[in-house]
């Protein structure tokens, strides 16, 4: 039915709508038609979510692996994004795991700790849970040049150099501090560039204005800070933020 509509020039129904309607035989036919042209990768991800939520994991995996088999050789940027997004959805797929690793390697040829991070995350292990391993790998990849981290003793820091075994970090309390990479991973947490802790360190004026003029926004962002326990706030969470502020952490609390 759906293939006939496509071939006669009519408007092809969206695969996500067909998946939502539970028309799984038609979905497979439509999927094959889409693979012959430019696949709608974003919508394919939507279909995976629908199928997985409806306990149709075998079908979702079948369509995923069919797509990888057909499109992996093309090497398109959109396909790489498709793989990385799909990795956050599927617990098991050796075909996805292998394709994902090759894409990661292609995109990070000069990143020395890459193989170490792949091993630590579990992505090299065929029996690992793909979804959780991808989450772990994504967290590890925040430890890159110019990335921000937090250490309970040295404060906020920015990675200046990183190799397979060591990292050099400019901390608030220790400039050009050399550490073994494994120690860095064990004793620090990664921060986003727009973290409050980073803002406090890099632009205390903007930090103070935010605290004084937009307290509700400040509090919302504070609850998202990973310094101690995300989703909770204690005075311990405030101390790293008010090291150089006009306010003390006690006053802020």
Protein backbone atom coordinates (compact mmCIF):
# COMPACT_ATOMS: atom_id res chain seq x y z
CA UNK A 1 0.00 0.00 0.00
CA UNK A 2 2.59 2.54 1.08
CA UNK A 3 5.10 1.61 -1.61
CA UNK A 4 2.40 2.07 -4.26
CA UNK A 5 1.63 5.56 -2.97
CA UNK A 6 5.29 6.48 -3.17
CA UNK A 7 5.76 5.16 -6.70
CA UNK A 8 2.71 6.97 -8.04
CA UNK A 9 3.94 10.32 -6.78
CA UNK A 10 1.60 10.62 -3.82
CA UNK A 11 2.78 11.83 -0.46
CA UNK A 12 4.47 9.09 1.54
CA UNK A 13 3.19 8.80 5.11
CA UNK A 14 5.76 9.50 7.82
CA UNK A 15 7.41 6.38 9.17
CA UNK A 16 6.93 7.68 12.71
CA UNK A 17 3.16 7.87 12.16
CA UNK A 18 3.11 4.34 10.79
CA UNK A 19 5.13 3.10 13.77
CA UNK A 20 2.78 4.84 16.19
CA UNK A 21 -0.18 3.18 14.47
CA UNK A 22 1.38 -0.25 14.92
CA UNK A 23 1.50 -0.96 11.18
CA UNK A 24 4.76 -2.85 11.47
CA UNK A 25 4.69 -4.70 8.13
CA UNK A 26 4.11 -1.43 6.30
CA UNK A 27 6.81 0.22 8.42
CA UNK A 28 9.41 -2.28 7.22
CA UNK A 29 8.43 -1.72 3.58
CA UNK A 30 8.61 2.04 4.02
CA UNK A 31 11.95 1.76 5.77
CA UNK A 32 13.44 0.00 2.75
CA UNK A 33 12.10 2.71 0.44
CA UNK A 34 13.67 5.41 2.62
CA UNK A 35 17.04 3.65 2.59
CA UNK A 36 17.16 3.94 -1.20
CA UNK A 37 17.13 7.74 -1.01
CA UNK A 38 18.41 10.11 1.70
CA UNK A 39 17.30 8.47 4.95
CA UNK A 40 15.42 10.73 7.40
CA UNK A 41 17.78 9.89 10.26
CA UNK A 42 16.08 12.11 12.84
CA UNK A 43 12.74 10.48 12.16
CA UNK A 44 14.31 7.03 12.24
CA UNK A 45 15.48 7.77 15.77
CA UNK A 46 11.88 8.71 16.65
CA UNK A 47 10.73 5.36 15.28
CA UNK A 48 13.28 3.52 17.43
CA UNK A 49 11.95 5.30 20.52
CA UNK A 50 8.36 4.40 19.59
CA UNK A 51 9.21 0.74 18.98
CA UNK A 52 11.26 0.40 22.14
CA UNK A 53 8.52 2.01 24.21
CA UNK A 54 6.06 -0.48 22.67
CA UNK A 55 8.32 -3.42 23.55
CA UNK A 56 9.24 -4.05 19.92
CA UNK A 57 12.99 -4.17 20.50
CA UNK A 58 13.67 -7.02 17.99
CA UNK A 59 12.05 -5.02 15.18
CA UNK A 60 13.83 -1.83 16.21
CA UNK A 61 17.16 -3.67 16.27
CA UNK A 62 16.47 -5.25 12.89
CA UNK A 63 15.76 -1.85 11.30
CA UNK A 64 18.77 -0.31 13.02
CA UNK A 65 21.18 -2.97 11.81
CA UNK A 66 19.69 -2.92 8.31
CA UNK A 67 20.34 0.82 8.17
CA UNK A 68 23.94 0.41 9.32
CA UNK A 69 24.60 -2.35 6.80
CA UNK A 70 23.23 -0.24 3.95
CA UNK A 71 24.67 3.16 4.88
CA UNK A 72 27.89 2.64 6.83
CA UNK A 73 30.10 2.76 3.74
CA UNK A 74 28.80 6.21 2.79
CA UNK A 75 30.55 7.85 5.75
CA UNK A 76 28.12 10.77 5.97
CA UNK A 77 28.23 13.15 8.93
CA UNK A 78 24.49 12.70 9.48
CA UNK A 79 24.99 8.94 9.66
CA UNK A 80 27.64 9.37 12.35
CA UNK A 81 25.22 11.48 14.37
CA UNK A 82 22.58 8.79 13.83
CA UNK A 83 24.89 6.14 15.29
CA UNK A 84 25.74 8.19 18.35
CA UNK A 85 22.10 9.01 19.03
CA UNK A 86 21.04 5.39 18.57
CA UNK A 87 23.72 4.30 21.04
CA UNK A 88 21.76 6.06 23.76
CA UNK A 89 18.69 3.92 23.02
CA UNK A 90 19.84 0.33 22.52
CA UNK A 91 21.17 -2.01 25.16
CA UNK A 92 22.46 -4.63 22.74
CA UNK A 93 23.60 -4.51 19.13
CA UNK A 94 27.06 -5.69 18.21
CA UNK A 95 26.68 -4.22 14.73
CA UNK A 96 25.94 -0.79 16.21
CA UNK A 97 28.75 -1.12 18.74
CA UNK A 98 31.35 -1.90 16.06
CA UNK A 99 30.13 0.84 13.71
CA UNK A 100 30.11 3.31 16.58
CA UNK A 101 33.70 2.51 17.54
CA UNK A 102 34.91 2.94 13.97
CA UNK A 103 33.11 6.29 13.69
CA UNK A 104 34.57 7.46 16.99
CA UNK A 105 38.06 6.49 15.85
CA UNK A 106 37.63 8.28 12.52
CA UNK A 107 36.46 11.45 14.28
CA UNK A 108 39.19 11.47 16.95
CA UNK A 109 42.33 10.37 15.14
CA UNK A 110 44.66 12.61 17.15
CA UNK A 111 43.10 12.15 20.59
CA UNK A 112 45.64 10.08 22.50
CA UNK A 113 43.47 8.80 25.39
CA UNK A 114 40.78 7.52 23.00
CA UNK A 115 41.56 3.81 23.21
CA UNK A 116 41.86 4.03 26.98
CA UNK A 117 38.45 5.70 27.19
CA UNK A 118 36.90 3.10 24.88
CA UNK A 119 38.19 0.36 27.15
CA UNK A 120 37.18 2.07 30.41
CA UNK A 121 33.66 2.71 29.13
CA UNK A 122 33.11 -0.91 28.14
CA UNK A 123 32.50 -0.17 24.46
CA UNK A 124 35.19 -2.67 23.49
CA UNK A 125 33.41 -5.43 25.38
CA UNK A 126 30.91 -7.34 23.23
CA UNK A 127 28.89 -8.29 26.32
CA UNK A 128 28.65 -4.76 27.73
CA UNK A 129 25.38 -2.85 27.93
CA UNK A 130 25.71 -0.53 24.95
CA UNK A 131 23.50 2.25 26.31
CA UNK A 132 25.29 2.54 29.66
CA UNK A 133 28.72 2.14 28.04
CA UNK A 134 27.95 4.98 25.63
CA UNK A 135 26.89 7.20 28.54
CA UNK A 136 30.14 6.41 30.33
CA UNK A 137 32.19 7.07 27.20
CA UNK A 138 30.43 10.39 26.59
CA UNK A 139 31.32 11.45 30.14
CA UNK A 140 34.95 10.45 29.67
CA UNK A 141 35.20 12.41 26.43
CA UNK A 142 34.57 15.61 28.36
CA UNK A 143 38.16 15.17 29.55
CA UNK A 144 39.68 16.83 26.52
CA UNK A 145 41.90 19.82 25.84
CA UNK A 146 40.29 23.04 27.14
CA UNK A 147 37.63 21.05 29.01
CA UNK A 148 36.75 22.12 32.55
CA UNK A 149 36.92 19.92 35.64
CA UNK A 150 36.55 20.27 39.40
CA UNK A 151 38.85 18.95 42.12
CA UNK A 152 37.87 19.19 45.80
CA UNK A 153 41.36 20.45 46.78
CA UNK A 154 42.49 22.48 43.77
CA UNK A 155 39.11 23.88 42.72
CA UNK A 156 37.97 24.41 39.15
CA UNK A 157 40.51 23.71 36.44
CA UNK A 158 40.94 23.76 32.69
CA UNK A 159 42.78 20.98 30.89
CA UNK A 160 45.69 22.42 28.91
CA UNK A 161 47.28 19.18 27.66
CA UNK A 162 46.19 15.56 27.76
CA UNK A 163 47.95 12.38 26.65
CA UNK A 164 47.46 8.65 27.03
CA UNK A 165 48.90 8.75 30.56
CA UNK A 166 49.00 12.32 31.88
CA UNK A 167 47.20 15.65 31.90
CA UNK A 168 48.33 19.21 32.63
CA UNK A 169 45.65 21.34 34.24
CA UNK A 170 45.37 25.00 35.21
CA UNK A 171 43.53 24.85 38.52
CA UNK A 172 42.32 27.80 40.54
CA UNK A 173 44.81 26.83 43.23
CA UNK A 174 47.51 25.12 41.14
CA UNK A 175 48.68 26.40 37.76
CA UNK A 176 50.15 23.95 35.21
CA UNK A 177 49.54 21.03 37.53
CA UNK A 178 50.65 17.68 36.09
CA UNK A 179 48.67 14.61 37.09
CA UNK A 180 48.43 11.02 35.93
CA UNK A 181 45.37 10.61 33.76
CA UNK A 182 43.92 7.81 35.90
CA UNK A 183 44.25 10.04 38.98
CA UNK A 184 42.48 12.87 37.15
CA UNK A 185 39.59 10.57 36.27
CA UNK A 186 39.36 9.24 39.83
CA UNK A 187 39.56 12.54 41.70
CA UNK A 188 37.73 15.08 39.51
CA UNK A 189 34.37 15.60 37.84
CA UNK A 190 33.82 17.23 34.47
CA UNK A 191 32.06 20.59 34.15
CA UNK A 192 30.29 22.20 31.23
CA UNK A 193 31.74 25.54 30.03
CA UNK A 194 28.59 27.33 31.26
CA UNK A 195 28.84 25.85 34.74
CA UNK A 196 28.37 28.29 37.62
CA UNK A 197 31.70 27.16 39.01
CA UNK A 198 33.42 28.03 35.72
CA UNK A 199 31.58 31.38 35.53
CA UNK A 200 32.65 32.22 39.07
CA UNK A 201 36.27 31.54 38.19
CA UNK A 202 36.42 33.09 34.73
CA UNK A 203 34.02 36.04 35.08
CA UNK A 204 33.29 36.93 38.68
CA UNK A 205 31.45 40.10 37.61
CA UNK A 206 28.93 38.16 35.53
CA UNK A 207 28.65 35.62 38.33
CA UNK A 208 27.85 38.34 40.89
CA UNK A 209 25.28 39.97 38.60
CA UNK A 210 23.54 36.66 38.11
CA UNK A 211 23.50 36.04 41.85
CA UNK A 212 22.22 39.54 42.66
CA UNK A 213 19.83 40.19 39.79
CA UNK A 214 18.47 36.75 38.84
CA UNK A 215 18.41 34.65 42.01
CA UNK A 216 15.79 32.23 40.68
CA UNK A 217 17.89 31.51 37.58
CA UNK A 218 20.95 31.18 39.76
CA UNK A 219 19.20 28.67 41.99
CA UNK A 220 17.93 26.63 39.04
CA UNK A 221 21.43 26.38 37.63
CA UNK A 222 22.85 25.60 41.06
CA UNK A 223 20.60 22.54 41.33
CA UNK A 224 22.13 21.29 38.07
CA UNK A 225 25.73 21.62 39.29
CA UNK A 226 27.42 18.23 39.75
CA UNK A 227 29.89 19.33 42.42
CA UNK A 228 28.41 17.27 45.23
CA UNK A 229 24.95 15.76 44.73
CA UNK A 230 23.05 16.94 41.63
CA UNK A 231 19.50 17.92 42.53
CA UNK A 232 20.47 18.84 46.07
CA UNK A 233 22.09 21.94 47.50
CA UNK A 234 24.17 22.28 50.65
CA UNK A 235 26.67 24.86 51.83
CA UNK A 236 29.39 22.53 50.56
CA UNK A 237 28.07 23.11 47.03
CA UNK A 238 28.45 26.86 47.48
CA UNK A 239 32.03 26.95 48.71
CA UNK A 240 33.71 26.36 45.33
CA UNK A 241 31.54 29.09 43.78
CA UNK A 242 32.32 31.90 46.19
CA UNK A 243 36.10 31.60 46.49
CA UNK A 244 36.69 35.00 44.85
CA UNK A 245 33.22 36.50 45.18
CA UNK A 246 32.20 39.63 47.09
CA UNK A 247 30.01 37.30 49.16
CA UNK A 248 31.16 34.49 51.39
CA UNK A 249 29.62 31.06 51.07
CA UNK A 250 27.94 31.57 54.46
CA UNK A 251 26.33 34.79 53.30
CA UNK A 252 25.16 33.14 50.11
CA UNK A 253 23.71 30.23 52.05
